[in-house]
Amino acid sequence: MHFDIENSEDLAPHLQRMVDHGVNGLDIMHGELKNLMLMADARFTEAALSFSTFPTGDYGNLGAASVDAFGISVSPAFDCLTTPTGAVSEVDLGVL
């Protein structure tokens, strides 16, 4: 039986029974949230197992590119200068 919590001002029957038996509200919420998390995890696992369309094949030489699709250099550049001390060269990649 499905209980439509969104369109009702009543508690789900299993929650109402716990309230009627004097169970602490925090314990009820904790248990219900734990059950919801377990159900969500089970659904996620089921979805992940059904995911079988991972791309396969020849990706080519991934190390040959010198810039990415946005024109940012992907080649590592090391600066061995000793001055100024503590300076770091950085490239702002923006919002990823």
N, C-alpha and C. Protein backbone atom coordinates (compact mmCIF):
# COMPACT_ATOMS: atom_id res chain seq x y z
N MET A 1 0.85 -1.18 0.00
CA MET A 1 0.00 0.00 0.00
C MET A 1 0.89 1.24 0.00
N HIS A 2 0.61 2.15 -0.89
CA HIS A 2 1.37 3.39 -0.98
C HIS A 2 0.64 4.50 -0.24
N PHE A 3 1.37 5.23 0.58
CA PHE A 3 0.79 6.35 1.33
C PHE A 3 1.25 7.64 0.67
N ASP A 4 0.32 8.47 0.26
CA ASP A 4 0.62 9.73 -0.42
C ASP A 4 0.84 10.83 0.61
N ILE A 5 2.08 10.96 1.09
CA ILE A 5 2.41 11.91 2.14
C ILE A 5 2.29 13.36 1.66
N GLU A 6 2.50 13.59 0.36
CA GLU A 6 2.49 14.97 -0.16
C GLU A 6 1.09 15.57 -0.18
N ASN A 7 0.05 14.74 -0.29
CA ASN A 7 -1.31 15.24 -0.38
C ASN A 7 -2.14 14.87 0.84
N SER A 8 -1.50 14.72 1.97
CA SER A 8 -2.21 14.34 3.18
C SER A 8 -1.62 15.07 4.38
N GLU A 9 -2.48 15.39 5.32
CA GLU A 9 -1.98 15.99 6.56
C GLU A 9 -1.77 14.92 7.63
N ASP A 10 -2.11 13.68 7.32
CA ASP A 10 -1.95 12.57 8.25
C ASP A 10 -0.56 11.97 8.10
N LEU A 11 -0.13 11.29 9.15
CA LEU A 11 1.12 10.55 9.09
C LEU A 11 0.91 9.22 8.37
N ALA A 12 2.00 8.70 7.81
CA ALA A 12 1.93 7.36 7.26
C ALA A 12 1.55 6.41 8.38
N PRO A 13 0.79 5.37 8.09
CA PRO A 13 0.30 4.47 9.15
C PRO A 13 1.40 3.92 10.05
N HIS A 14 2.55 3.53 9.48
CA HIS A 14 3.61 2.97 10.33
C HIS A 14 4.20 4.03 11.26
N LEU A 15 4.22 5.29 10.82
CA LEU A 15 4.71 6.36 11.69
C LEU A 15 3.68 6.70 12.76
N GLN A 16 2.41 6.70 12.38
CA GLN A 16 1.35 7.00 13.35
C GLN A 16 1.33 5.96 14.47
N ARG A 17 1.57 4.69 14.13
CA ARG A 17 1.61 3.64 15.17
C ARG A 17 2.72 3.92 16.17
N MET A 18 3.89 4.38 15.67
CA MET A 18 5.00 4.66 16.58
C MET A 18 4.66 5.85 17.48
N VAL A 19 4.02 6.86 16.92
CA VAL A 19 3.60 8.02 17.73
C VAL A 19 2.60 7.56 18.78
N ASP A 20 1.65 6.73 18.39
CA ASP A 20 0.62 6.24 19.32
C ASP A 20 1.23 5.41 20.45
N HIS A 21 2.36 4.76 20.19
CA HIS A 21 3.02 3.95 21.22
C HIS A 21 4.01 4.76 22.04
N GLY A 22 4.10 6.06 21.79
CA GLY A 22 4.93 6.93 22.61
C GLY A 22 6.41 6.93 22.26
N VAL A 23 6.75 6.52 21.03
CA VAL A 23 8.15 6.54 20.61
C VAL A 23 8.59 7.99 20.44
N ASN A 24 9.80 8.29 20.88
CA ASN A 24 10.36 9.63 20.78
C ASN A 24 10.38 10.08 19.32
N GLY A 25 9.97 11.34 19.07
CA GLY A 25 9.89 11.86 17.71
C GLY A 25 11.23 11.84 16.98
N LEU A 26 12.30 12.15 17.71
CA LEU A 26 13.62 12.14 17.09
C LEU A 26 14.01 10.72 16.66
N ASP A 27 13.65 9.73 17.47
CA ASP A 27 13.92 8.34 17.10
C ASP A 27 13.12 7.93 15.87
N ILE A 28 11.88 8.41 15.79
CA ILE A 28 11.04 8.10 14.62
C ILE A 28 11.67 8.70 13.37
N MET A 29 12.06 9.97 13.45
CA MET A 29 12.66 10.64 12.29
C MET A 29 13.97 9.98 11.89
N HIS A 30 14.79 9.62 12.86
CA HIS A 30 16.07 8.98 12.57
C HIS A 30 15.85 7.66 11.85
N GLY A 31 14.93 6.86 12.36
CA GLY A 31 14.66 5.56 11.75
C GLY A 31 14.09 5.70 10.35
N GLU A 32 13.18 6.65 10.17
CA GLU A 32 12.57 6.85 8.86
C GLU A 32 13.59 7.34 7.85
N LEU A 33 14.44 8.27 8.24
CA LEU A 33 15.47 8.77 7.34
C LEU A 33 16.47 7.67 6.98
N LYS A 34 16.79 6.84 7.96
CA LYS A 34 17.71 5.73 7.69
C LYS A 34 17.09 4.76 6.68
N ASN A 35 15.80 4.46 6.84
CA ASN A 35 15.11 3.59 5.89
C ASN A 35 15.09 4.21 4.49
N LEU A 36 14.81 5.51 4.41
CA LEU A 36 14.79 6.19 3.12
C LEU A 36 16.17 6.16 2.46
N MET A 37 17.23 6.34 3.26
CA MET A 37 18.58 6.30 2.71
C MET A 37 18.92 4.90 2.19
N LEU A 38 18.51 3.87 2.91
CA LEU A 38 18.76 2.50 2.47
C LEU A 38 18.02 2.20 1.17
N MET A 39 16.77 2.69 1.06
CA MET A 39 16.02 2.46 -0.17
C MET A 39 16.65 3.22 -1.34
N ALA A 40 17.09 4.46 -1.09
CA ALA A 40 17.74 5.24 -2.15
C ALA A 40 19.04 4.58 -2.59
N ASP A 41 19.80 4.07 -1.63
CA ASP A 41 21.05 3.39 -1.96
C ASP A 41 20.79 2.14 -2.79
N ALA A 42 19.74 1.41 -2.46
CA ALA A 42 19.39 0.21 -3.22
C ALA A 42 19.00 0.58 -4.65
N ARG A 43 18.25 1.67 -4.80
CA ARG A 43 17.85 2.11 -6.15
C ARG A 43 19.06 2.58 -6.94
N PHE A 44 20.00 3.27 -6.28
CA PHE A 44 21.21 3.72 -6.94
C PHE A 44 22.05 2.53 -7.41
N THR A 45 22.19 1.54 -6.54
CA THR A 45 22.96 0.34 -6.88
C THR A 45 22.33 -0.37 -8.07
N GLU A 46 21.01 -0.48 -8.05
CA GLU A 46 20.30 -1.13 -9.15
C GLU A 46 20.52 -0.36 -10.46
N ALA A 47 20.47 0.96 -10.39
CA ALA A 47 20.70 1.78 -11.59
C ALA A 47 22.14 1.66 -12.07
N ALA A 48 23.09 1.64 -11.14
CA ALA A 48 24.50 1.55 -11.51
C ALA A 48 24.80 0.20 -12.17
N LEU A 49 24.16 -0.86 -11.69
CA LEU A 49 24.39 -2.18 -12.27
C LEU A 49 23.80 -2.30 -13.67
N SER A 50 22.75 -1.52 -13.95
CA SER A 50 22.12 -1.58 -15.26
C SER A 50 22.83 -0.68 -16.27
N PHE A 51 23.79 0.11 -15.81
CA PHE A 51 24.53 1.01 -16.68
C PHE A 51 25.60 0.21 -17.41
N SER A 52 25.37 -0.05 -18.68
CA SER A 52 26.33 -0.86 -19.42
C SER A 52 26.76 -0.20 -20.72
N THR A 53 26.54 1.10 -20.86
CA THR A 53 26.86 1.77 -22.10
C THR A 53 28.14 2.58 -22.01
N PHE A 54 29.08 2.13 -21.17
CA PHE A 54 30.35 2.84 -21.04
C PHE A 54 31.08 2.77 -22.37
N PRO A 55 31.58 3.91 -22.87
CA PRO A 55 32.23 3.90 -24.19
C PRO A 55 33.47 3.02 -24.22
N THR A 56 33.60 2.29 -25.28
CA THR A 56 34.76 1.42 -25.46
C THR A 56 35.38 1.72 -26.82
N GLY A 57 36.54 1.19 -27.05
CA GLY A 57 37.19 1.37 -28.34
C GLY A 57 38.49 2.13 -28.21
N ASP A 58 39.01 2.55 -29.35
CA ASP A 58 40.29 3.24 -29.40
C ASP A 58 40.07 4.72 -29.13
N TYR A 59 40.67 5.21 -28.06
CA TYR A 59 40.57 6.64 -27.72
C TYR A 59 41.67 7.44 -28.42
N GLY A 60 42.54 6.78 -29.13
CA GLY A 60 43.64 7.47 -29.79
C GLY A 60 44.75 7.79 -28.80
N ASN A 61 45.67 8.66 -29.22
CA ASN A 61 46.79 9.05 -28.37
C ASN A 61 46.37 10.23 -27.51
N LEU A 62 45.97 9.95 -26.30
CA LEU A 62 45.48 11.01 -25.41
C LEU A 62 46.59 11.93 -24.94
N GLY A 63 47.84 11.51 -25.05
CA GLY A 63 48.95 12.34 -24.62
C GLY A 63 49.45 13.28 -25.70
N ALA A 64 48.91 13.18 -26.91
CA ALA A 64 49.40 14.00 -28.02
C ALA A 64 48.86 15.42 -27.99
N ALA A 65 47.75 15.66 -27.34
CA ALA A 65 47.15 17.00 -27.34
C ALA A 65 47.96 17.94 -26.46
N SER A 66 48.13 19.18 -26.93
CA SER A 66 48.85 20.16 -26.13
C SER A 66 47.90 21.16 -25.50
N VAL A 67 46.68 21.26 -26.03
CA VAL A 67 45.66 22.14 -25.44
C VAL A 67 44.35 21.37 -25.37
N ASP A 68 43.50 21.77 -24.41
CA ASP A 68 42.20 21.11 -24.30
C ASP A 68 41.19 21.81 -25.22
N ALA A 69 39.94 21.44 -25.11
CA ALA A 69 38.90 21.99 -25.98
C ALA A 69 38.69 23.49 -25.78
N PHE A 70 39.14 24.02 -24.64
CA PHE A 70 38.98 25.45 -24.35
C PHE A 70 40.24 26.25 -24.65
N GLY A 71 41.27 25.59 -25.21
CA GLY A 71 42.50 26.28 -25.54
C GLY A 71 43.47 26.40 -24.37
N ILE A 72 43.23 25.71 -23.27
CA ILE A 72 44.11 25.73 -22.10
C ILE A 72 45.18 24.66 -22.28
N SER A 73 46.40 25.02 -22.03
CA SER A 73 47.50 24.07 -22.17
C SER A 73 47.35 22.93 -21.18
N VAL A 74 47.50 21.70 -21.69
CA VAL A 74 47.43 20.53 -20.82
C VAL A 74 48.82 19.94 -20.58
N SER A 75 49.82 20.55 -21.18
CA SER A 75 51.20 20.09 -20.98
C SER A 75 51.73 20.69 -19.68
N PRO A 76 52.32 19.85 -18.83
CA PRO A 76 52.85 20.39 -17.58
C PRO A 76 54.01 21.34 -17.85
N ALA A 77 54.05 22.44 -17.11
CA ALA A 77 55.14 23.40 -17.24
C ALA A 77 55.72 23.63 -15.85
N PHE A 78 57.00 23.30 -15.67
CA PHE A 78 57.63 23.46 -14.38
C PHE A 78 58.61 24.62 -14.43
N ASP A 79 58.53 25.44 -13.42
CA ASP A 79 59.40 26.61 -13.32
C ASP A 79 60.37 26.35 -12.18
N CYS A 80 61.66 26.22 -12.49
CA CYS A 80 62.66 25.92 -11.46
C CYS A 80 63.36 27.17 -10.94
N LEU A 81 62.76 28.33 -11.14
CA LEU A 81 63.37 29.55 -10.64
C LEU A 81 63.39 29.54 -9.11
N THR A 82 64.37 30.16 -8.54
CA THR A 82 64.47 30.23 -7.07
C THR A 82 63.97 31.57 -6.54
N THR A 83 63.69 32.53 -7.44
CA THR A 83 63.15 33.82 -7.00
C THR A 83 61.94 34.15 -7.86
N PRO A 84 60.99 34.83 -7.40
CA PRO A 84 60.77 35.19 -6.01
C PRO A 84 60.36 33.97 -5.20
N THR A 85 60.80 33.93 -3.99
CA THR A 85 60.54 32.80 -3.11
C THR A 85 59.05 32.72 -2.79
N GLY A 86 58.50 31.54 -2.92
CA GLY A 86 57.11 31.30 -2.54
C GLY A 86 56.10 31.66 -3.60
N ALA A 87 56.49 32.15 -4.76
CA ALA A 87 55.54 32.49 -5.81
C ALA A 87 55.06 31.24 -6.53
N VAL A 88 53.80 31.22 -6.90
CA VAL A 88 53.22 30.08 -7.58
C VAL A 88 52.59 30.59 -8.87
N SER A 89 52.89 29.93 -9.97
CA SER A 89 52.27 30.27 -11.24
C SER A 89 51.01 29.43 -11.36
N GLU A 90 49.88 30.07 -11.69
CA GLU A 90 48.64 29.32 -11.76
C GLU A 90 47.82 29.77 -12.96
N VAL A 91 46.94 28.89 -13.40
CA VAL A 91 46.01 29.19 -14.47
C VAL A 91 44.61 29.02 -13.91
N ASP A 92 43.78 30.05 -13.98
CA ASP A 92 42.42 29.96 -13.47
C ASP A 92 41.58 29.24 -14.51
N LEU A 93 41.07 28.07 -14.16
CA LEU A 93 40.29 27.27 -15.08
C LEU A 93 38.83 27.66 -15.09
N GLY A 94 38.46 28.59 -14.21
CA GLY A 94 37.07 29.04 -14.16
C GLY A 94 36.21 28.00 -13.48
N VAL A 95 34.93 28.05 -13.76
CA VAL A 95 33.98 27.13 -13.17
C VAL A 95 34.02 25.82 -13.95
N LEU A 96 34.25 24.73 -13.23
CA LEU A 96 34.33 23.43 -13.90
C LEU A 96 32.98 22.79 -13.96
